[in-house]
């Protein structure tokens, strides 16, 4: 073992499991695992197999007995994770949940300050972490103005500044553009080479991390470890079986649907000289001209921070245009020239359905079944019709076994499927989707894309903001590439 590797932490699990409070099934069970100091491990498994639960357990944030039930032992360097303050650093799937303070520099410094790192050393680490993750921002830059991808790199910078001996990354590149993905992987490589920290990274797209890790561990859907070995042994030797279980294996990609009908239907939405802004007076895009027709999929592309989500939310009637207009045509609104931002929530429910980049931003209730019924009750549908639609969506998106679960305890992939289901419940003709496939295993990706293709064939229209190249190739009718507009000044 090299001197650098000796600085890493040792991880061990012996018969470990965790069950969330109120859930009949264990999120993880019968896990036996040993990770030596300095190892670089890619953790795989189908959606819902417990990957994030294991990461949270190692970070010591699962909570006490009121939050759930544990079995067996989970340790870092021979001690419970909760007793290892500062040893493990976790980057979550949802970067918003890790953005704490109003300014970039303060947010990165927060962890160091909690660990009692001296002031001068803290700010040296802050600058180094910003440079390492490729986030070219002033320390005073407001965190509220960051895109989802920028927040993800901010979260990574905050963890790196604490210099953990165990680096836990839970899908850290899920919402990043290709350049951002490369930067995060290379930043992680530099940190590991310099510190010798142990790495445990969760990622569905294994090709991203294959060149960095030296070991692949696959969690089984029914508990325990399904496969464990070098990347070559696991991904090549057992690739076909793993792909069948939902693992993204480069040599075994998911099937793409065949569209039945690619003809454009009547117009639904268009824009004229549209400018959009996250904060008043600060446009991120201007002069946007878009046209959306029934049966067509318009995909918004471009680097992180360019304004894809902001354009999508403006089209969906959830943000006011900074300048220009969004026109809803008669086919969508019942009359020509209507503006979605002026519609009441009940009118939006039956016209435009939106899936946010962060699924938790649209969770409102304490049960999955109730979540699916929220919009339907707002429309005052009958009890029998509500039950029928909810049951159909639970089955369609493989959520039936979670019908009584708290939505906030679902895995990232399950939350994404639930957010899609809530949007589909009211059957709007126009769907606005922000990274709808992130966090999905290959089987669920295949099912979601097939479902979207079916909706398009039946005459719905889709607007998507995404970095998912496979999704673009499978569904896009047209793409609109957004480019940075540093001087998108409003008149």
Protein backbone atom coordinates (compact mmCIF):
# COMPACT_ATOMS: atom_id res chain seq x y z
CA UNK A 1 0.00 0.00 0.00
CA UNK A 2 1.35 3.42 -0.92
CA UNK A 3 1.68 6.23 1.57
CA UNK A 4 -1.07 8.13 -0.25
CA UNK A 5 -3.45 5.17 -0.10
CA UNK A 6 -2.85 4.88 3.65
CA UNK A 7 -4.69 8.17 4.15
CA UNK A 8 -7.92 6.65 2.85
CA UNK A 9 -10.62 5.23 5.11
CA UNK A 10 -11.59 1.56 5.46
CA UNK A 11 -15.27 0.64 4.99
CA UNK A 12 -16.89 -2.55 6.24
CA UNK A 13 -20.45 -3.87 6.28
CA UNK A 14 -21.43 -7.13 8.00
CA UNK A 15 -25.02 -8.22 7.45
CA UNK A 16 -26.00 -4.55 7.32
CA UNK A 17 -29.44 -3.37 6.36
CA UNK A 18 -31.76 -0.40 6.71
CA UNK A 19 -35.54 -0.07 6.59
CA UNK A 20 -37.18 3.34 6.48
CA UNK A 21 -39.82 3.99 9.12
CA UNK A 22 -43.26 2.93 7.95
CA UNK A 23 -41.93 0.83 5.07
CA UNK A 24 -42.49 -2.96 5.01
CA UNK A 25 -39.50 -3.66 2.76
CA UNK A 26 -35.83 -3.11 3.54
CA UNK A 27 -34.03 -0.53 1.41
CA UNK A 28 -30.81 -2.53 1.90
CA UNK A 29 -30.43 -5.94 3.49
CA UNK A 30 -27.81 -8.61 4.21
CA UNK A 31 -24.94 -6.49 2.91
CA UNK A 32 -21.43 -7.84 3.41
CA UNK A 33 -18.76 -5.58 1.96
CA UNK A 34 -15.16 -4.62 2.63
CA UNK A 35 -13.47 -1.64 0.96
CA UNK A 36 -9.80 -1.14 1.75
CA UNK A 37 -8.19 2.31 2.23
CA UNK A 38 -7.52 4.06 -1.07
CA UNK A 39 -9.76 1.82 -3.21
CA UNK A 40 -11.84 3.47 -5.91
CA UNK A 41 -15.20 1.73 -6.13
CA UNK A 42 -18.11 2.22 -8.55
CA UNK A 43 -21.37 1.18 -6.88
CA UNK A 44 -24.05 -0.04 -9.28
CA UNK A 45 -27.54 -1.45 -8.94
CA UNK A 46 -31.02 -1.12 -10.40
CA UNK A 47 -33.15 1.82 -9.25
CA UNK A 48 -34.33 1.16 -5.70
CA UNK A 49 -31.58 -1.35 -4.85
CA UNK A 50 -30.36 0.79 -1.96
CA UNK A 51 -27.30 2.56 -3.35
CA UNK A 52 -28.20 5.97 -1.94
CA UNK A 53 -29.24 4.41 1.37
CA UNK A 54 -25.79 2.87 1.75
CA UNK A 55 -24.17 6.21 0.92
CA UNK A 56 -26.31 7.99 3.51
CA UNK A 57 -25.47 5.32 6.05
CA UNK A 58 -21.74 5.81 5.51
CA UNK A 59 -22.17 9.57 5.77
CA UNK A 60 -23.94 9.10 9.11
CA UNK A 61 -27.12 10.92 8.04
CA UNK A 62 -29.74 8.15 8.08
CA UNK A 63 -31.07 9.29 11.43
CA UNK A 64 -32.01 7.47 14.61
CA UNK A 65 -34.65 4.92 15.51
CA UNK A 66 -37.48 7.32 14.68
CA UNK A 67 -36.23 7.45 11.07
CA UNK A 68 -35.91 3.71 10.52
CA UNK A 69 -34.50 0.38 11.61
CA UNK A 70 -30.95 -0.89 11.14
CA UNK A 71 -29.54 -4.41 11.22
CA UNK A 72 -25.98 -5.72 11.27
CA UNK A 73 -22.94 -3.44 11.34
CA UNK A 74 -21.70 -0.62 9.13
CA UNK A 75 -18.32 0.90 10.03
CA UNK A 76 -15.63 3.31 8.87
CA UNK A 77 -12.21 2.48 10.29
CA UNK A 78 -13.85 0.17 12.82
CA UNK A 79 -16.31 2.72 14.20
CA UNK A 80 -19.89 3.75 13.44
CA UNK A 81 -20.08 6.46 10.74
CA UNK A 82 -21.90 8.82 13.10
CA UNK A 83 -18.77 8.85 15.27
CA UNK A 84 -16.46 9.72 12.36
CA UNK A 85 -17.10 13.44 12.01
CA UNK A 86 -15.30 14.85 8.99
CA UNK A 87 -14.05 11.48 7.76
CA UNK A 88 -16.69 11.05 5.05
CA UNK A 89 -17.84 13.69 2.59
CA UNK A 90 -21.09 13.13 0.68
CA UNK A 91 -22.28 14.77 -2.54
CA UNK A 92 -26.00 14.04 -2.88
CA UNK A 93 -28.11 13.47 -5.99
CA UNK A 94 -29.92 16.73 -5.24
CA UNK A 95 -27.42 19.61 -5.05
CA UNK A 96 -30.14 22.01 -3.81
CA UNK A 97 -30.27 20.10 -0.54
CA UNK A 98 -26.59 20.95 0.04
CA UNK A 99 -26.70 24.65 -0.86
CA UNK A 100 -26.88 26.36 2.52
CA UNK A 101 -25.59 29.93 2.31
CA UNK A 102 -26.30 32.85 0.00
CA UNK A 103 -22.81 33.31 -1.49
CA UNK A 104 -20.61 30.78 -3.27
CA UNK A 105 -17.52 31.29 -1.10
CA UNK A 106 -19.43 31.11 2.17
CA UNK A 107 -21.21 27.95 1.06
CA UNK A 108 -17.95 26.15 0.27
CA UNK A 109 -16.41 27.34 3.54
CA UNK A 110 -19.35 26.12 5.63
CA UNK A 111 -18.11 22.57 6.14
CA UNK A 112 -14.57 23.64 6.99
CA UNK A 113 -15.86 26.12 9.55
CA UNK A 114 -17.94 23.40 11.21
CA UNK A 115 -14.82 21.25 11.45
CA UNK A 116 -12.89 24.07 13.10
CA UNK A 117 -10.41 24.59 10.25
CA UNK A 118 -8.45 27.86 10.80
CA UNK A 119 -9.74 30.83 8.79
CA UNK A 120 -6.73 31.30 6.52
CA UNK A 121 -6.59 27.58 5.74
CA UNK A 122 -10.35 27.51 5.10
CA UNK A 123 -10.20 30.21 2.44
CA UNK A 124 -7.13 28.67 0.84
CA UNK A 125 -9.11 25.44 0.52
CA UNK A 126 -12.16 27.32 -0.85
CA UNK A 127 -10.13 28.81 -3.71
CA UNK A 128 -8.46 25.49 -4.44
CA UNK A 129 -11.80 23.64 -4.47
CA UNK A 130 -13.38 26.15 -6.85
CA UNK A 131 -10.49 25.75 -9.26
CA UNK A 132 -10.52 21.97 -8.94
CA UNK A 133 -14.18 21.61 -9.96
CA UNK A 134 -13.87 24.16 -12.77
CA UNK A 135 -16.37 26.64 -11.31
CA UNK A 136 -15.18 30.06 -12.51
CA UNK A 137 -17.22 32.23 -10.16
CA UNK A 138 -16.50 35.05 -7.71
CA UNK A 139 -16.71 34.20 -4.02
CA UNK A 140 -19.54 36.74 -3.71
CA UNK A 141 -21.61 35.19 -6.52
CA UNK A 142 -25.16 34.42 -5.26
CA UNK A 143 -25.94 30.71 -4.98
CA UNK A 144 -29.56 31.47 -5.91
CA UNK A 145 -28.41 32.42 -9.43
CA UNK A 146 -26.69 29.08 -10.13
CA UNK A 147 -28.00 26.49 -12.55
CA UNK A 148 -28.58 22.91 -11.41
CA UNK A 149 -25.28 21.79 -12.88
CA UNK A 150 -23.39 24.66 -11.24
CA UNK A 151 -24.95 23.78 -7.88
CA UNK A 152 -23.74 20.23 -8.34
CA UNK A 153 -20.18 21.40 -8.77
CA UNK A 154 -20.60 23.78 -5.83
CA UNK A 155 -21.67 20.85 -3.64
CA UNK A 156 -18.61 18.88 -4.75
CA UNK A 157 -16.34 21.84 -4.02
CA UNK A 158 -17.77 22.12 -0.50
CA UNK A 159 -17.04 18.47 0.17
CA UNK A 160 -13.54 18.62 -1.34
CA UNK A 161 -12.67 21.60 0.84
CA UNK A 162 -13.24 19.44 3.94
CA UNK A 163 -10.59 16.99 2.64
CA UNK A 164 -12.48 13.82 3.60
CA UNK A 165 -10.72 10.44 3.76
CA UNK A 166 -13.85 8.79 2.31
CA UNK A 167 -15.38 10.53 -0.71
CA UNK A 168 -19.00 9.54 -1.35
CA UNK A 169 -20.44 10.70 -4.68
CA UNK A 170 -24.12 9.93 -5.36
CA UNK A 171 -24.63 10.49 -9.12
CA UNK A 172 -22.55 13.68 -9.12
CA UNK A 173 -22.70 14.12 -12.92
CA UNK A 174 -26.41 13.41 -13.42
CA UNK A 175 -27.33 16.95 -14.53
CA UNK A 176 -24.04 18.08 -16.05
CA UNK A 177 -23.21 18.83 -19.67
CA UNK A 178 -20.45 16.72 -21.25
CA UNK A 179 -17.76 19.25 -20.40
CA UNK A 180 -19.03 19.45 -16.82
CA UNK A 181 -18.93 15.66 -16.55
CA UNK A 182 -15.32 15.62 -17.72
CA UNK A 183 -14.40 18.37 -15.27
CA UNK A 184 -15.97 16.61 -12.28
CA UNK A 185 -14.35 13.27 -13.10
CA UNK A 186 -10.95 14.88 -13.60
CA UNK A 187 -11.38 16.96 -10.45
CA UNK A 188 -12.12 13.78 -8.52
CA UNK A 189 -9.07 12.10 -10.04
CA UNK A 190 -6.82 14.97 -8.98
CA UNK A 191 -8.18 14.91 -5.43
CA UNK A 192 -7.74 11.14 -5.11
CA UNK A 193 -4.22 11.23 -6.54
CA UNK A 194 -3.27 14.00 -4.12
CA UNK A 195 -4.97 12.72 -0.95
CA UNK A 196 -5.28 8.95 -1.36
CA UNK A 197 -8.89 9.13 -0.17
CA UNK A 198 -11.16 6.13 -0.60
CA UNK A 199 -13.83 6.64 -3.29
CA UNK A 200 -17.34 5.22 -3.46
CA UNK A 201 -19.29 6.62 -6.40
CA UNK A 202 -22.83 5.83 -7.54
CA UNK A 203 -23.54 6.39 -11.23
CA UNK A 204 -25.91 4.68 -13.64
CA UNK A 205 -23.79 5.57 -16.68
CA UNK A 206 -20.77 3.42 -15.97
CA UNK A 207 -18.69 4.63 -18.92
CA UNK A 208 -18.21 7.98 -17.13
CA UNK A 209 -16.19 6.46 -14.25
CA UNK A 210 -14.83 3.26 -15.72
CA UNK A 211 -11.37 4.69 -16.34
CA UNK A 212 -11.06 6.04 -12.79
CA UNK A 213 -12.25 3.15 -10.60
CA UNK A 214 -10.44 -0.11 -9.90
CA UNK A 215 -13.43 -2.04 -8.60
CA UNK A 216 -17.15 -2.41 -9.37
CA UNK A 217 -19.71 -3.55 -6.79
CA UNK A 218 -23.30 -4.29 -7.83
CA UNK A 219 -26.08 -4.36 -5.23
CA UNK A 220 -28.84 -6.92 -5.74
CA UNK A 221 -32.47 -5.83 -5.84
CA UNK A 222 -33.31 -8.45 -3.20
CA UNK A 223 -30.33 -7.62 -0.99
CA UNK A 224 -26.65 -8.47 -0.76
CA UNK A 225 -24.04 -8.09 -3.47
CA UNK A 226 -24.87 -9.27 -6.98
CA UNK A 227 -21.36 -8.86 -8.44
CA UNK A 228 -17.96 -7.65 -7.22
CA UNK A 229 -14.67 -7.42 -9.09
CA UNK A 230 -12.59 -5.38 -11.49
CA UNK A 231 -14.45 -3.31 -14.11
CA UNK A 232 -13.40 -5.81 -16.78
CA UNK A 233 -14.58 -8.83 -14.78
CA UNK A 234 -17.95 -7.35 -13.87
CA UNK A 235 -18.90 -5.32 -16.95
CA UNK A 236 -17.58 -7.72 -19.56
CA UNK A 237 -17.92 -11.08 -17.87
CA UNK A 238 -21.43 -10.44 -16.50
CA UNK A 239 -22.51 -7.58 -18.73
CA UNK A 240 -25.52 -9.24 -20.35
CA UNK A 241 -27.04 -10.38 -17.04
CA UNK A 242 -26.42 -6.99 -15.45
CA UNK A 243 -28.01 -5.16 -18.38
CA UNK A 244 -31.10 -7.36 -18.05
CA UNK A 245 -31.41 -6.26 -14.40
CA UNK A 246 -31.28 -2.56 -15.33
CA UNK A 247 -27.56 -1.76 -15.09
CA UNK A 248 -26.18 0.60 -17.73
CA UNK A 249 -23.57 -1.54 -19.51
CA UNK A 250 -21.97 0.18 -22.54
CA UNK A 251 -22.00 -2.99 -24.65
CA UNK A 252 -25.69 -3.61 -23.92
CA UNK A 253 -27.59 -0.32 -24.42
CA UNK A 254 -31.37 -0.12 -23.83
CA UNK A 255 -33.74 -0.40 -26.76
CA UNK A 256 -35.13 2.73 -28.37
CA UNK A 257 -38.82 2.89 -29.27
CA UNK A 258 -40.11 2.98 -32.82
CA UNK A 259 -42.41 5.92 -33.41
CA UNK A 260 -45.73 5.08 -35.07
CA UNK A 261 -46.45 8.62 -36.17
CA UNK A 262 -43.98 11.44 -36.72
CA UNK A 263 -46.31 13.85 -38.51
CA UNK A 264 -46.72 17.29 -36.92
CA UNK A 265 -50.17 18.15 -35.64
CA UNK A 266 -51.71 21.58 -34.98
CA UNK A 267 -49.66 24.30 -33.25
CA UNK A 268 -49.80 24.47 -29.45
CA UNK A 269 -47.26 27.04 -28.32
CA UNK A 270 -44.91 29.62 -29.83
CA UNK A 271 -42.67 32.44 -28.64
CA UNK A 272 -41.85 35.85 -30.04
CA UNK A 273 -38.67 37.78 -29.13
CA UNK A 274 -38.68 35.93 -25.80
CA UNK A 275 -36.19 36.84 -23.08
CA UNK A 276 -36.04 34.79 -19.88
CA UNK A 277 -34.50 35.53 -16.48
CA UNK A 278 -33.94 33.66 -13.23
CA UNK A 279 -33.90 36.94 -11.33
CA UNK A 280 -35.65 40.16 -12.35
CA UNK A 281 -33.67 42.26 -14.83
CA UNK A 282 -30.95 39.65 -15.41
CA UNK A 283 -31.81 37.82 -18.63
CA UNK A 284 -29.96 34.58 -19.38
CA UNK A 285 -31.45 34.28 -22.88
CA UNK A 286 -33.05 36.77 -25.24
CA UNK A 287 -34.50 36.70 -28.74
CA UNK A 288 -35.74 33.10 -28.32
CA UNK A 289 -38.08 32.01 -31.12
CA UNK A 290 -39.69 28.60 -30.62
CA UNK A 291 -42.62 26.69 -32.07
CA UNK A 292 -44.26 23.61 -30.54
CA UNK A 293 -46.73 21.42 -32.43
CA UNK A 294 -48.77 18.41 -31.36
CA UNK A 295 -46.97 15.10 -31.81
CA UNK A 296 -43.54 16.74 -31.82
CA UNK A 297 -40.66 16.73 -29.34
CA UNK A 298 -38.63 19.95 -29.05
CA UNK A 299 -35.36 19.50 -27.14
CA UNK A 300 -33.48 22.38 -25.54
CA UNK A 301 -29.74 21.75 -25.44
CA UNK A 302 -26.69 23.68 -24.29
CA UNK A 303 -24.11 23.86 -21.51
CA UNK A 304 -24.95 24.18 -17.82
CA UNK A 305 -26.03 27.66 -16.80
CA UNK A 306 -27.13 28.67 -20.29
CA UNK A 307 -30.81 28.94 -19.29
CA UNK A 308 -32.44 25.69 -20.46
CA UNK A 309 -34.45 25.23 -17.26
CA UNK A 310 -35.40 28.91 -17.23
CA UNK A 311 -36.69 28.74 -20.81
CA UNK A 312 -38.60 25.55 -19.98
CA UNK A 313 -40.27 27.05 -16.89
CA UNK A 314 -41.21 30.17 -18.86
CA UNK A 315 -42.82 28.07 -21.60
CA UNK A 316 -44.69 26.14 -18.90
CA UNK A 317 -46.29 29.31 -17.53
CA UNK A 318 -44.39 29.14 -14.24
CA UNK A 319 -42.04 32.09 -14.83
CA UNK A 320 -43.05 35.40 -16.47
CA UNK A 321 -41.21 36.36 -19.66
CA UNK A 322 -38.56 39.00 -19.03
CA UNK A 323 -39.40 40.37 -22.47
CA UNK A 324 -41.41 39.19 -25.45
CA UNK A 325 -44.29 36.73 -25.32
CA UNK A 326 -45.28 33.09 -25.01
CA UNK A 327 -48.40 32.43 -27.11
CA UNK A 328 -50.71 29.49 -26.45
CA UNK A 329 -52.60 28.61 -29.64
CA UNK A 330 -56.29 27.79 -29.85
CA UNK A 331 -55.64 24.02 -29.84
CA UNK A 332 -54.06 24.29 -26.39
CA UNK A 333 -55.95 27.15 -24.78
CA UNK A 334 -59.34 27.15 -26.48
CA UNK A 335 -58.62 30.59 -27.86
CA UNK A 336 -55.78 32.18 -29.81
CA UNK A 337 -53.19 34.47 -28.27
CA UNK A 338 -53.53 33.27 -24.67
CA UNK A 339 -50.50 33.61 -22.36
CA UNK A 340 -49.77 30.68 -20.00
CA UNK A 341 -48.34 32.91 -17.25
CA UNK A 342 -51.86 34.36 -16.81
CA UNK A 343 -53.56 30.98 -16.33
CA UNK A 344 -54.77 29.78 -12.97
CA UNK A 345 -53.30 26.58 -11.57
CA UNK A 346 -56.35 24.51 -12.54
CA UNK A 347 -56.07 25.75 -16.12
CA UNK A 348 -52.38 24.79 -16.22
CA UNK A 349 -53.16 21.30 -14.89
CA UNK A 350 -55.17 20.34 -17.97
CA UNK A 351 -52.98 22.16 -20.52
CA UNK A 352 -49.29 21.99 -19.55
CA UNK A 353 -47.68 19.40 -17.30
CA UNK A 354 -44.21 20.15 -15.89
CA UNK A 355 -41.51 17.90 -14.47
CA UNK A 356 -38.92 19.91 -12.55
CA UNK A 357 -35.20 19.15 -12.62
CA UNK A 358 -35.40 18.35 -8.91
CA UNK A 359 -38.25 15.87 -8.22
CA UNK A 360 -38.51 16.94 -4.56
CA UNK A 361 -39.60 20.41 -5.62
CA UNK A 362 -42.99 19.03 -6.63
CA UNK A 363 -43.65 16.62 -3.76
CA UNK A 364 -46.53 17.78 -1.55
CA UNK A 365 -47.90 14.87 0.48
CA UNK A 366 -46.79 12.05 2.78
CA UNK A 367 -47.87 9.12 0.57
CA UNK A 368 -47.10 8.21 -3.03
CA UNK A 369 -50.75 7.43 -3.76
CA UNK A 370 -51.85 10.80 -2.38
CA UNK A 371 -49.18 12.55 -4.44
CA UNK A 372 -50.70 11.20 -7.65
CA UNK A 373 -54.18 12.29 -6.60
CA UNK A 374 -53.37 15.95 -5.80
CA UNK A 375 -53.95 17.32 -9.30
CA UNK A 376 -56.94 15.07 -9.93
CA UNK A 377 -58.66 16.31 -6.77
CA UNK A 378 -57.97 19.90 -7.82
CA UNK A 379 -59.89 19.12 -11.00
CA UNK A 380 -62.77 17.78 -8.83
CA UNK A 381 -62.85 14.39 -10.54
CA UNK A 382 -64.93 11.61 -9.03
CA UNK A 383 -63.39 9.22 -6.48
CA UNK A 384 -63.64 6.21 -8.79
CA UNK A 385 -61.93 7.98 -11.69
CA UNK A 386 -59.17 9.26 -9.40
CA UNK A 387 -58.55 5.76 -8.07
CA UNK A 388 -58.52 4.30 -11.59
CA UNK A 389 -55.99 6.84 -12.90
CA UNK A 390 -53.76 6.52 -9.84
CA UNK A 391 -53.70 2.72 -10.00
CA UNK A 392 -52.90 2.84 -13.73
CA UNK A 393 -49.92 5.15 -13.18
CA UNK A 394 -48.63 3.19 -10.19
CA UNK A 395 -48.56 0.05 -12.33
CA UNK A 396 -47.24 1.78 -15.43
CA UNK A 397 -44.22 3.27 -13.67
CA UNK A 398 -43.57 0.32 -11.32
CA UNK A 399 -44.47 2.24 -8.18
CA UNK A 400 -47.37 0.08 -6.95
CA UNK A 401 -45.29 -1.51 -4.18
CA UNK A 402 -44.52 2.00 -2.92
CA UNK A 403 -48.11 3.31 -2.96
CA UNK A 404 -48.18 3.93 0.80
CA UNK A 405 -44.56 5.06 1.17
CA UNK A 406 -43.48 8.60 2.00
CA UNK A 407 -42.31 10.12 -1.32
CA UNK A 408 -39.29 11.71 0.36
CA UNK A 409 -37.94 8.27 1.34
CA UNK A 410 -37.87 7.00 -2.27
CA UNK A 411 -34.65 6.57 -4.20
CA UNK A 412 -33.66 9.27 -6.67
CA UNK A 413 -34.86 7.19 -9.60
CA UNK A 414 -38.17 6.40 -7.90
CA UNK A 415 -38.74 10.09 -7.12
CA UNK A 416 -38.15 10.91 -10.78
CA UNK A 417 -40.70 8.30 -11.89
CA UNK A 418 -43.19 9.69 -9.36
CA UNK A 419 -42.69 13.25 -10.62
CA UNK A 420 -43.38 12.07 -14.17
CA UNK A 421 -46.47 10.20 -13.00
CA UNK A 422 -47.91 13.24 -11.21
CA UNK A 423 -47.55 15.23 -14.42
CA UNK A 424 -49.26 12.52 -16.49
CA UNK A 425 -52.17 12.13 -14.08
CA UNK A 426 -54.11 15.14 -15.44
CA UNK A 427 -53.37 14.19 -19.08
CA UNK A 428 -52.23 17.59 -20.40
CA UNK A 429 -51.55 17.87 -24.17
CA UNK A 430 -48.21 19.65 -23.64
CA UNK A 431 -45.47 18.23 -21.41
CA UNK A 432 -42.44 20.27 -20.27
CA UNK A 433 -39.73 17.97 -18.94
CA UNK A 434 -36.47 19.07 -17.27
CA UNK A 435 -33.95 16.20 -17.32
CA UNK A 436 -36.74 13.58 -17.19
CA UNK A 437 -34.42 10.55 -17.35
CA UNK A 438 -31.68 11.44 -14.89
CA UNK A 439 -31.08 8.86 -12.17
CA UNK A 440 -32.82 6.04 -14.03
CA UNK A 441 -31.48 2.54 -14.53
CA UNK A 442 -31.48 1.33 -18.13
CA UNK A 443 -34.71 -0.67 -17.79
CA UNK A 444 -36.66 2.29 -16.41
CA UNK A 445 -35.04 4.61 -18.99
CA UNK A 446 -36.34 2.27 -21.70
CA UNK A 447 -39.83 2.26 -20.17
CA UNK A 448 -39.98 6.04 -19.74
CA UNK A 449 -38.78 6.74 -23.27
CA UNK A 450 -41.27 4.23 -24.71
CA UNK A 451 -44.03 5.94 -22.73
CA UNK A 452 -43.00 9.39 -24.01
CA UNK A 453 -42.92 8.03 -27.56
CA UNK A 454 -46.44 6.68 -27.11
CA UNK A 455 -47.67 10.05 -25.86
CA UNK A 456 -46.16 11.75 -28.91
CA UNK A 457 -47.78 9.21 -31.23
CA UNK A 458 -51.13 9.93 -29.56
CA UNK A 459 -50.78 13.66 -30.27
CA UNK A 460 -49.18 15.13 -27.16
CA UNK A 461 -46.27 17.54 -27.53
CA UNK A 462 -43.10 17.48 -25.44
CA UNK A 463 -40.53 20.15 -24.64
CA UNK A 464 -37.42 18.73 -22.96
CA UNK A 465 -34.31 20.27 -21.46
CA UNK A 466 -31.68 17.55 -21.27
CA UNK A 467 -28.06 16.48 -21.62
CA UNK A 468 -29.10 12.86 -22.25
CA UNK A 469 -27.80 12.19 -25.76
CA UNK A 470 -29.54 8.79 -25.97
CA UNK A 471 -32.86 10.47 -25.11
CA UNK A 472 -32.30 13.15 -27.75
CA UNK A 473 -31.53 10.56 -30.42
CA UNK A 474 -34.56 8.49 -29.44
CA UNK A 475 -37.24 11.20 -29.36
CA UNK A 476 -36.18 14.61 -30.66
CA UNK A 477 -38.14 16.00 -33.59
CA UNK A 478 -36.21 19.26 -33.38
CA UNK A 479 -33.43 20.60 -31.18
CA UNK A 480 -32.82 24.19 -30.18
CA UNK A 481 -29.27 24.82 -29.00
CA UNK A 482 -28.92 27.62 -26.46
CA UNK A 483 -25.57 29.36 -26.21
CA UNK A 484 -24.24 31.62 -23.43
CA UNK A 485 -25.39 35.22 -23.67
CA UNK A 486 -23.29 37.16 -21.19
CA UNK A 487 -24.75 40.41 -22.48
CA UNK A 488 -28.41 39.49 -22.68
CA UNK A 489 -29.38 42.98 -21.47
CA UNK A 490 -33.03 43.93 -21.26
CA UNK A 491 -34.14 47.08 -22.98
